[in-house]
PDB file of N, CA and C in Angstrom:
ATOM      1  N   UNK A   1      25.689   1.954  -3.773  1.00  0.00           N
ATOM      2  CA  UNK A   1      25.058   3.311  -3.839  1.00  0.00           C
ATOM      3  C   UNK A   1      23.622   3.291  -3.488  1.00  0.00           C
ATOM      4  N   UNK A   2      23.204   4.387  -2.473  1.00  0.00           N
ATOM      5  CA  UNK A   2      21.946   4.542  -2.446  1.00  0.00           C
ATOM      6  C   UNK A   2      21.373   5.963  -3.127  1.00  0.00           C
ATOM      7  N   UNK A   3      20.438   6.203  -3.623  1.00  0.00           N
ATOM      8  CA  UNK A   3      20.013   7.407  -4.189  1.00  0.00           C
ATOM      9  C   UNK A   3      18.439   7.417  -4.017  1.00  0.00           C
ATOM     10  N   UNK A   4      18.324   8.789  -3.346  1.00  0.00           N
ATOM     11  CA  UNK A   4      16.715   9.166  -3.317  1.00  0.00           C
ATOM     12  C   UNK A   4      16.403  10.192  -4.016  1.00  0.00           C
ATOM     13  N   UNK A   5      15.231  10.065  -4.568  1.00  0.00           N
ATOM     14  CA  UNK A   5      15.110  11.374  -5.712  1.00  0.00           C
ATOM     15  C   UNK A   5      13.452  11.885  -4.980  1.00  0.00           C
ATOM     16  N   UNK A   6      13.231  13.139  -4.836  1.00  0.00           N
ATOM     17  CA  UNK A   6      12.125  13.971  -4.530  1.00  0.00           C
ATOM     18  C   UNK A   6      10.989  13.127  -3.727  1.00  0.00           C
ATOM     19  N   UNK A   7      11.598  12.214  -2.798  1.00  0.00           N
ATOM     20  CA  UNK A   7      10.989  11.378  -1.403  1.00  0.00           C
ATOM     21  C   UNK A   7       9.878  12.202  -0.814  1.00  0.00           C
ATOM     22  N   UNK A   8       8.700  12.011  -0.776  1.00  0.00           N
ATOM     23  CA  UNK A   8       7.491  13.048   0.162  1.00  0.00           C
ATOM     24  C   UNK A   8       7.010  11.831   0.986  1.00  0.00           C
ATOM     25  N   UNK A   9       6.935  12.320   2.047  1.00  0.00           N
ATOM     26  CA  UNK A   9       5.969  11.108   2.924  1.00  0.00           C
ATOM     27  C   UNK A   9       4.928  12.175   4.134  1.00  0.00           C
ATOM     28  N   UNK A  10       3.986  12.112   4.106  1.00  0.00           N
ATOM     29  CA  UNK A  10       3.274  12.678   5.095  1.00  0.00           C
ATOM     30  C   UNK A  10       2.154  11.717   5.547  1.00  0.00           C
ATOM     31  N   UNK A  11       1.698  11.970   6.719  1.00  0.00           N
ATOM     32  CA  UNK A  11       0.528  11.196   7.601  1.00  0.00           C
ATOM     33  C   UNK A  11      -0.245  12.003   8.302  1.00  0.00           C
ATOM     34  N   UNK A  12      -1.457  11.680   8.519  1.00  0.00           N
ATOM     35  CA  UNK A  12      -2.480  12.113   8.853  1.00  0.00           C
ATOM     36  C   UNK A  12      -2.416  12.119  10.646  1.00  0.00           C
ATOM     37  N   UNK A  13      -2.396  13.266  11.572  1.00  0.00           N
ATOM     38  CA  UNK A  13      -2.429  13.335  12.796  1.00  0.00           C
ATOM     39  C   UNK A  13      -3.903  14.082  13.143  1.00  0.00           C
ATOM     40  N   UNK A  14      -4.843  13.061  13.376  1.00  0.00           N
ATOM     41  CA  UNK A  14      -6.231  13.671  13.785  1.00  0.00           C
ATOM     42  C   UNK A  14      -6.759  13.987  12.100  1.00  0.00           C
ATOM     43  N   UNK A  15      -6.946  15.152  12.134  1.00  0.00           N
ATOM     44  CA  UNK A  15      -7.426  15.704  10.780  1.00  0.00           C
ATOM     45  C   UNK A  15      -6.230  16.372  10.265  1.00  0.00           C
ATOM     46  N   UNK A  16      -4.987  16.945  11.123  1.00  0.00           N
ATOM     47  CA  UNK A  16      -3.868  17.416  10.372  1.00  0.00           C
ATOM     48  C   UNK A  16      -3.058  16.561   9.538  1.00  0.00           C
ATOM     49  N   UNK A  17      -2.580  17.173   8.450  1.00  0.00           N
ATOM     50  CA  UNK A  17      -1.625  16.580   7.837  1.00  0.00           C
ATOM     51  C   UNK A  17      -0.340  16.827   8.057  1.00  0.00           C
ATOM     52  N   UNK A  18       0.812  15.873   8.573  1.00  0.00           N
ATOM     53  CA  UNK A  18       2.243  16.093   9.026  1.00  0.00           C
ATOM     54  C   UNK A  18       2.925  15.752   8.105  1.00  0.00           C
ATOM     55  N   UNK A  19       3.727  16.770   7.313  1.00  0.00           N
ATOM     56  CA  UNK A  19       4.614  16.301   6.365  1.00  0.00           C
ATOM     57  C   UNK A  19       6.069  15.996   6.968  1.00  0.00           C
ATOM     58  N   UNK A  20       6.272  14.804   6.890  1.00  0.00           N
ATOM     59  CA  UNK A  20       7.358  14.026   7.666  1.00  0.00           C
ATOM     60  C   UNK A  20       8.953  14.518   6.629  1.00  0.00           C
ATOM     61  N   UNK A  21       8.821  14.130   5.419  1.00  0.00           N
ATOM     62  CA  UNK A  21       9.826  13.996   4.601  1.00  0.00           C
ATOM     63  C   UNK A  21       9.395  14.933   3.039  1.00  0.00           C
ATOM     64  N   UNK A  22       9.832  15.826   2.665  1.00  0.00           N
ATOM     65  CA  UNK A  22       9.320  16.742   1.833  1.00  0.00           C
ATOM     66  C   UNK A  22      10.607  17.281   0.573  1.00  0.00           C
ATOM     67  N   UNK A  23      10.073  16.291  -0.338  1.00  0.00           N
ATOM     68  CA  UNK A  23      11.166  16.584  -1.869  1.00  0.00           C
ATOM     69  C   UNK A  23      12.459  16.283  -1.394  1.00  0.00           C
ATOM     70  N   UNK A  24      12.605  15.244  -0.828  1.00  0.00           N
ATOM     71  CA  UNK A  24      14.005  14.725  -0.421  1.00  0.00           C
ATOM     72  C   UNK A  24      15.082  13.929  -1.339  1.00  0.00           C
ATOM     73  N   UNK A  25      16.268  14.793  -1.536  1.00  0.00           N
ATOM     74  CA  UNK A  25      17.189  13.936  -2.448  1.00  0.00           C
ATOM     75  C   UNK A  25      18.452  13.657  -1.597  1.00  0.00           C
ATOM     76  N   UNK A  26      18.943  12.432  -1.850  1.00  0.00           N
ATOM     77  CA  UNK A  26      19.913  11.949  -1.072  1.00  0.00           C
ATOM     78  C   UNK A  26      20.875  11.069  -1.463  1.00  0.00           C
ATOM     79  N   UNK A  27      21.943  11.120  -1.844  1.00  0.00           N
ATOM     80  CA  UNK A  27      22.947  10.511  -2.698  1.00  0.00           C
ATOM     81  C   UNK A  27      23.792   9.803  -1.462  1.00  0.00           C
ATOM     82  N   UNK A  28      24.124   8.649  -1.446  1.00  0.00           N
ATOM     83  CA  UNK A  28      25.125   7.927  -0.580  1.00  0.00           C
ATOM     84  C   UNK A  28      26.116   7.488  -1.661  1.00  0.00           C
ATOM     85  N   UNK A  29      27.540   7.388  -1.730  1.00  0.00           N
ATOM     86  CA  UNK A  29      28.202   6.478  -2.556  1.00  0.00           C
ATOM     87  C   UNK A  29      28.538   5.535  -1.541  1.00  0.00           C
ATOM     88  N   UNK A  30      29.185   4.382  -2.265  1.00  0.00           N
ATOM     89  CA  UNK A  30      29.664   2.960  -1.517  1.00  0.00           C
ATOM     90  C   UNK A  30      30.789   3.474  -0.609  1.00  0.00           C
ATOM     91  N   UNK A  31      30.897   2.765   0.211  1.00  0.00           N
ATOM     92  CA  UNK A  31      31.750   2.669   1.543  1.00  0.00           C
ATOM     93  C   UNK A  31      31.710   3.855   2.212  1.00  0.00           C
ATOM     94  N   UNK A  32      30.727   4.467   2.556  1.00  0.00           N
ATOM     95  CA  UNK A  32      30.389   5.687   3.394  1.00  0.00           C
ATOM     96  C   UNK A  32      29.636   4.972   4.736  1.00  0.00           C
ATOM     97  N   UNK A  33      30.069   5.830   5.660  1.00  0.00           N
ATOM     98  CA  UNK A  33      29.271   5.711   6.905  1.00  0.00           C
ATOM     99  C   UNK A  33      28.679   7.059   6.858  1.00  0.00           C
ATOM    100  N   UNK A  34      27.501   6.714   7.550  1.00  0.00           N
ATOM    101  CA  UNK A  34      26.470   8.325   7.896  1.00  0.00           C
ATOM    102  C   UNK A  34      25.621   7.892   8.971  1.00  0.00           C
ATOM    103  N   UNK A  35      25.253   9.171   9.680  1.00  0.00           N
ATOM    104  CA  UNK A  35      24.525   9.339  10.876  1.00  0.00           C
ATOM    105  C   UNK A  35      23.306   9.714  10.374  1.00  0.00           C
ATOM    106  N   UNK A  36      22.288   9.706  11.395  1.00  0.00           N
ATOM    107  CA  UNK A  36      20.959  10.160  10.742  1.00  0.00           C
ATOM    108  C   UNK A  36      20.509  10.632  12.070  1.00  0.00           C
ATOM    109  N   UNK A  37      20.681  11.865  12.228  1.00  0.00           N
ATOM    110  CA  UNK A  37      20.295  12.509  13.814  1.00  0.00           C
ATOM    111  C   UNK A  37      19.080  13.488  13.566  1.00  0.00           C
ATOM    112  N   UNK A  38      18.561  13.733  14.513  1.00  0.00           N
ATOM    113  CA  UNK A  38      17.282  14.764  14.818  1.00  0.00           C
ATOM    114  C   UNK A  38      16.340  14.401  16.062  1.00  0.00           C
ATOM    115  N   UNK A  39      15.536  15.393  16.198  1.00  0.00           N
ATOM    116  CA  UNK A  39      14.608  15.360  17.118  1.00  0.00           C
ATOM    117  C   UNK A  39      13.521  14.206  17.091  1.00  0.00           C
ATOM    118  N   UNK A  40      12.844  13.752  18.114  1.00  0.00           N
ATOM    119  CA  UNK A  40      11.846  12.923  17.843  1.00  0.00           C
ATOM    120  C   UNK A  40      10.633  13.352  17.139  1.00  0.00           C
ATOM    121  N   UNK A  41      10.326  12.675  16.129  1.00  0.00           N
ATOM    122  CA  UNK A  41       8.943  12.630  14.831  1.00  0.00           C
ATOM    123  C   UNK A  41       9.359  13.746  13.603  1.00  0.00           C
ATOM    124  N   UNK A  42      10.954  13.970  13.621  1.00  0.00           N
ATOM    125  CA  UNK A  42      11.463  14.440  12.470  1.00  0.00           C
ATOM    126  C   UNK A  42      11.791  13.355  11.583  1.00  0.00           C
ATOM    127  N   UNK A  43      11.610  12.311  11.146  1.00  0.00           N
ATOM    128  CA  UNK A  43      11.221  11.435  10.253  1.00  0.00           C
ATOM    129  C   UNK A  43      12.679  10.710  10.203  1.00  0.00           C
ATOM    130  N   UNK A  44      13.347  10.737  10.932  1.00  0.00           N
ATOM    131  CA  UNK A  44      14.528   9.534  11.022  1.00  0.00           C
ATOM    132  C   UNK A  44      13.880   8.101  10.356  1.00  0.00           C
ATOM    133  N   UNK A  45      13.010   7.524  11.530  1.00  0.00           N
ATOM    134  CA  UNK A  45      12.582   6.037  11.147  1.00  0.00           C
ATOM    135  C   UNK A  45      11.855   6.080  10.105  1.00  0.00           C
ATOM    136  N   UNK A  46      10.832   6.774   9.309  1.00  0.00           N
ATOM    137  CA  UNK A  46      10.485   6.578   8.246  1.00  0.00           C
ATOM    138  C   UNK A  46      11.767   6.676   7.070  1.00  0.00           C
ATOM    139  N   UNK A  47      12.374   7.676   7.248  1.00  0.00           N
ATOM    140  CA  UNK A  47      13.720   7.546   6.442  1.00  0.00           C
ATOM    141  C   UNK A  47      14.030   6.220   6.152  1.00  0.00           C
ATOM    142  N   UNK A  48      14.642   5.669   7.148  1.00  0.00           N
ATOM    143  CA  UNK A  48      15.044   4.347   7.177  1.00  0.00           C
ATOM    144  C   UNK A  48      14.272   3.084   6.633  1.00  0.00           C
ATOM    145  N   UNK A  49      13.019   3.423   7.029  1.00  0.00           N
ATOM    146  CA  UNK A  49      12.131   2.304   6.490  1.00  0.00           C
ATOM    147  C   UNK A  49      11.877   2.313   4.978  1.00  0.00           C
ATOM    148  N   UNK A  50      11.730   3.619   4.569  1.00  0.00           N
ATOM    149  CA  UNK A  50      11.511   3.759   3.071  1.00  0.00           C
ATOM    150  C   UNK A  50      12.893   3.564   2.510  1.00  0.00           C
ATOM    151  N   UNK A  51      14.341   3.682   2.882  1.00  0.00           N
ATOM    152  CA  UNK A  51      15.595   3.056   2.413  1.00  0.00           C
ATOM    153  C   UNK A  51      15.621   1.461   2.096  1.00  0.00           C
ATOM    154  N   UNK A  52      14.797   0.632   3.445  1.00  0.00           N
ATOM    155  CA  UNK A  52      15.014  -0.353   3.861  1.00  0.00           C
ATOM    156  C   UNK A  52      13.772  -1.254   2.847  1.00  0.00           C
ATOM    157  N   UNK A  53      13.121  -0.335   2.123  1.00  0.00           N
ATOM    158  CA  UNK A  53      12.049  -1.205   1.307  1.00  0.00           C
ATOM    159  C   UNK A  53      10.932  -1.670   2.060  1.00  0.00           C
ATOM    160  N   UNK A  54      10.682  -0.906   3.459  1.00  0.00           N
ATOM    161  CA  UNK A  54       9.817  -1.477   4.226  1.00  0.00           C
ATOM    162  C   UNK A  54       8.774  -0.871   4.182  1.00  0.00           C
ATOM    163  N   UNK A  55       8.884   0.442   3.817  1.00  0.00           N
ATOM    164  CA  UNK A  55       7.583   1.458   3.643  1.00  0.00           C
ATOM    165  C   UNK A  55       7.824   2.541   2.323  1.00  0.00           C
ATOM    166  N   UNK A  56       6.971   2.318   1.462  1.00  0.00           N
ATOM    167  CA  UNK A  56       6.431   3.071   0.072  1.00  0.00           C
ATOM    168  C   UNK A  56       6.432   4.597   0.644  1.00  0.00           C
ATOM    169  N   UNK A  57       7.069   5.235  -0.023  1.00  0.00           N
ATOM    170  CA  UNK A  57       6.702   6.720   0.196  1.00  0.00           C
ATOM    171  C   UNK A  57       5.646   7.394  -0.867  1.00  0.00           C
ATOM    172  N   UNK A  58       5.251   8.089  -0.486  1.00  0.00           N
ATOM    173  CA  UNK A  58       4.167   8.830  -1.199  1.00  0.00           C
ATOM    174  C   UNK A  58       4.492   9.269  -2.751  1.00  0.00           C
ATOM    175  N   UNK A  59       5.324   9.720  -2.711  1.00  0.00           N
ATOM    176  CA  UNK A  59       6.205  10.281  -3.813  1.00  0.00           C
ATOM    177  C   UNK A  59       7.858  10.216  -3.898  1.00  0.00           C
ATOM    178  N   UNK A  60       8.345   9.839  -5.282  1.00  0.00           N
ATOM    179  CA  UNK A  60       9.741   9.766  -5.044  1.00  0.00           C
ATOM    180  C   UNK A  60      10.246   8.326  -5.815  1.00  0.00           C
ATOM    181  N   UNK A  61      11.593   8.522  -5.896  1.00  0.00           N
ATOM    182  CA  UNK A  61      11.847   7.328  -6.407  1.00  0.00           C
ATOM    183  C   UNK A  61      13.256   6.748  -5.629  1.00  0.00           C
ATOM    184  N   UNK A  62      13.583   5.561  -5.697  1.00  0.00           N
ATOM    185  CA  UNK A  62      14.410   4.802  -4.734  1.00  0.00           C
ATOM    186  C   UNK A  62      15.212   4.027  -5.524  1.00  0.00           C
ATOM    187  N   UNK A  63      16.512   4.093  -5.903  1.00  0.00           N
ATOM    188  CA  UNK A  63      17.473   3.457  -6.151  1.00  0.00           C
ATOM    189  C   UNK A  63      18.777   2.773  -5.361  1.00  0.00           C
ATOM    190  N   UNK A  64      19.044   1.539  -5.445  1.00  0.00           N
ATOM    191  CA  UNK A  64      20.040   0.843  -4.802  1.00  0.00           C
ATOM    192  C   UNK A  64      20.878   0.201  -5.777  1.00  0.00           C
ATOM    193  N   UNK A  65      22.032   0.689  -5.596  1.00  0.00           N
ATOM    194  CA  UNK A  65      23.107  -0.023  -6.714  1.00  0.00           C
ATOM    195  C   UNK A  65      22.689   0.298  -8.227  1.00  0.00           C
ATOM    196  N   UNK A  66      22.171   1.342  -8.270  1.00  0.00           N
ATOM    197  CA  UNK A  66      21.499   1.599  -9.778  1.00  0.00           C
ATOM    198  C   UNK A  66      20.142   0.816 -10.207  1.00  0.00           C
ATOM    199  N   UNK A  67      19.583   0.161  -9.233  1.00  0.00           N
ATOM    200  CA  UNK A  67      18.151  -0.723  -9.418  1.00  0.00           C
ATOM    201  C   UNK A  67      17.295   0.244  -9.143  1.00  0.00           C
ATOM    202  N   UNK A  68      16.313   0.448  -9.595  1.00  0.00           N
ATOM    203  CA  UNK A  68      15.184   1.216  -9.418  1.00  0.00           C
ATOM    204  C   UNK A  68      14.035   0.546  -8.440  1.00  0.00           C
ATOM    205  N   UNK A  69      14.089   0.495  -7.328  1.00  0.00           N
ATOM    206  CA  UNK A  69      13.644  -0.309  -6.133  1.00  0.00           C
ATOM    207  C   UNK A  69      12.028   0.529  -6.430  1.00  0.00           C
ATOM    208  N   UNK A  70      11.535   1.645  -6.281  1.00  0.00           N
ATOM    209  CA  UNK A  70      10.478   2.047  -6.169  1.00  0.00           C
ATOM    210  C   UNK A  70       9.444   1.384  -7.194  1.00  0.00           C
ATOM    211  N   UNK A  71       9.660   0.678  -8.119  1.00  0.00           N
ATOM    212  CA  UNK A  71       8.921   0.142  -9.210  1.00  0.00           C
ATOM    213  C   UNK A  71       8.763  -1.566  -8.821  1.00  0.00           C
ATOM    214  N   UNK A  72       9.185  -2.139  -7.853  1.00  0.00           N
ATOM    215  CA  UNK A  72       9.607  -3.348  -7.536  1.00  0.00           C
ATOM    216  C   UNK A  72       7.955  -3.603  -6.934  1.00  0.00           C
ATOM    217  N   UNK A  73       7.671  -4.874  -7.088  1.00  0.00           N
ATOM    218  CA  UNK A  73       6.371  -5.423  -5.924  1.00  0.00           C
ATOM    219  C   UNK A  73       6.837  -5.788  -4.926  1.00  0.00           C
ATOM    220  N   UNK A  74       5.894  -6.010  -4.082  1.00  0.00           N
ATOM    221  CA  UNK A  74       6.127  -6.712  -2.821  1.00  0.00           C
ATOM    222  C   UNK A  74       6.982  -7.760  -2.439  1.00  0.00           C
ATOM    223  N   UNK A  75       6.885  -8.735  -3.291  1.00  0.00           N
ATOM    224  CA  UNK A  75       7.523  -9.959  -3.845  1.00  0.00           C
ATOM    225  C   UNK A  75       9.032  -9.476  -3.764  1.00  0.00           C
ATOM    226  N   UNK A  76       8.841  -9.213  -4.612  1.00  0.00           N
ATOM    227  CA  UNK A  76      10.554  -8.251  -5.359  1.00  0.00           C
ATOM    228  C   UNK A  76      11.216  -7.482  -4.352  1.00  0.00           C
ATOM    229  N   UNK A  77      10.843  -6.531  -3.647  1.00  0.00           N
ATOM    230  CA  UNK A  77      11.056  -5.953  -2.437  1.00  0.00           C
ATOM    231  C   UNK A  77      11.761  -6.865  -1.428  1.00  0.00           C
ATOM    232  N   UNK A  78      11.064  -7.992  -1.419  1.00  0.00           N
ATOM    233  CA  UNK A  78      11.503  -8.763   0.032  1.00  0.00           C
ATOM    234  C   UNK A  78      12.262  -9.344  -0.545  1.00  0.00           C
ATOM    235  N   UNK A  79      12.612  -9.916  -1.839  1.00  0.00           N
ATOM    236  CA  UNK A  79      13.944 -10.911  -2.303  1.00  0.00           C
ATOM    237  C   UNK A  79      14.712  -9.750  -2.524  1.00  0.00           C
ATOM    238  N   UNK A  80      15.012  -8.717  -2.604  1.00  0.00           N
ATOM    239  CA  UNK A  80      15.822  -7.607  -2.997  1.00  0.00           C
ATOM    240  C   UNK A  80      16.470  -7.528  -1.643  1.00  0.00           C
ATOM    241  N   UNK A  81      15.581  -7.150  -0.474  1.00  0.00           N
ATOM    242  CA  UNK A  81      15.848  -6.798   0.794  1.00  0.00           C
ATOM    243  C   UNK A  81      16.862  -8.049   1.246  1.00  0.00           C
ATOM    244  N   UNK A  82      16.169  -9.364   1.278  1.00  0.00           N
ATOM    245  CA  UNK A  82      17.223 -10.476   1.822  1.00  0.00           C
ATOM    246  C   UNK A  82      18.159 -10.559   1.314  1.00  0.00           C
ATOM    247  N   UNK A  83      18.867 -10.083   0.063  1.00  0.00           N
ATOM    248  CA  UNK A  83      19.618 -10.305  -0.742  1.00  0.00           C
ATOM    249  C   UNK A  83      21.006  -8.940  -0.723  1.00  0.00           C
ATOM    250  N   UNK A  84      20.183  -7.765  -0.052  1.00  0.00           N
ATOM    251  CA  UNK A  84      20.918  -6.713  -0.487  1.00  0.00           C
ATOM    252  C   UNK A  84      21.141  -5.913   0.611  1.00  0.00           C
ATOM    253  N   UNK A  85      20.189  -6.031   1.550  1.00  0.00           N
ATOM    254  CA  UNK A  85      19.901  -4.908   2.801  1.00  0.00           C
ATOM    255  C   UNK A  85      20.112  -5.756   4.072  1.00  0.00           C
ATOM    256  N   UNK A  86      20.807  -4.798   4.903  1.00  0.00           N
ATOM    257  CA  UNK A  86      20.927  -5.463   6.532  1.00  0.00           C
ATOM    258  C   UNK A  86      20.475  -4.592   7.258  1.00  0.00           C
ATOM    259  N   UNK A  87      19.895  -4.978   8.485  1.00  0.00           N
ATOM    260  CA  UNK A  87      19.557  -4.026   9.479  1.00  0.00           C
ATOM    261  C   UNK A  87      20.270  -4.635  10.792  1.00  0.00           C
ATOM    262  N   UNK A  88      20.755  -3.592  11.273  1.00  0.00           N
ATOM    263  CA  UNK A  88      21.423  -3.682  12.835  1.00  0.00           C
ATOM    264  C   UNK A  88      20.587  -2.791  13.613  1.00  0.00           C
ATOM    265  N   UNK A  89      20.127  -3.487  14.926  1.00  0.00           N
ATOM    266  CA  UNK A  89      18.776  -3.092  15.907  1.00  0.00           C
ATOM    267  C   UNK A  89      19.722  -3.044  16.977  1.00  0.00           C
ATOM    268  N   UNK A  90      19.626  -1.397  17.478  1.00  0.00           N
ATOM    269  CA  UNK A  90      20.427  -1.551  19.109  1.00  0.00           C
ATOM    270  C   UNK A  90      19.341  -1.481  20.284  1.00  0.00           C
TER     271      UNK A  90
END
């Protein structure tokens, strides 16, 4: 199970602040297939990086299988990712 609560991520582009994800809430139950679609720059890769514990959101909480992953250290995230998260790149 994946649960994201109040995920916010912004980037600076020059002097402008770009809000990519704003107060995102997402619940995905076990055994579900989902697709993430949208135009270039809409936050798809940022979202996947946050779910994969590769990028830390500026705000919000990440729960994977009911484990609070947002408070893990870098080493703990690496070990959790190694044992619980898979990536398929195409």
